Amino acid sequence: MAARSADETLLARALVEIPPSDALNEQILDAAREQFVTFGLRRSTVDDVAKRAKVSRVTVYRRIGSKDDLVSACLLREYRRFVADVDEAVASLPTIEDRLVAGFVAVLKHIREHPLVGGLLRLEPETLLPFLTLESGPAFLAMREYLADRLRHAQRAEGRPETDPTPVAELMVRITVSFLLNPVSCFELDDDEQVGAFARRYLVPLLSAR
């Protein structure tokens, strides 16, 4: 089984573990979210976020970092908020296959409808892309490791042979991002039933891939 790097482990933990509450950081991230939703990424600056948060530019840099850091922090916070919802939606399902299908439906629906992530994907896909890909993004790695951890847990719970699920998790995340970035497809994914049927036909078989 391939060993995960320390950075990947930290990213997976960052996605599912809520950090200690910090009112000022939350104030800055709330302002950044509002700024990005209203004006997009291209037209937003650290100064804009600072003004909305009613703090200095230096405070934003000290607390969060650059504009890219603000975007990454916002995305991770939004992902944390729906990871709990996805976990709850699939927790009572009996098999790993059922949980994978329901989880894929929930994630695709949530991101499509999300005012920040879904909105930016529709309006500025080329701007958001670097934050959703392996080459640059904490968000991509965190989602991949989150899914891999859930697959490992399901393997153990069902007494299945323990294989490294990271490649399968990465394929699933890449497929999801691909459909979000370019929804034009021969696959009909207009409603939850269609998305679930797609997942059961094309994603579930990946679980048995080696």
Foldseek 3Di string as FASTA:
>chain_A
DDDDDPLLVVLLCLLAPDDPDDPLLVLLLVLLQVCCLVPNLVPDALCSSCVSSVHDSVVCCVNQRGSVSSVQVNLSVVSNVCVVVLCVQQVPPDAPLSSQLSSQLSVLVCQCPPSRNNVCLVVPVVVCVQCQDPVHHSNVSNQLVNVQVVLQVRCVVVVHDRDRCSVLSNVSSVVSSVCSNPVDDPQDDPHSVSSSVCCSVPSSVSSPPD
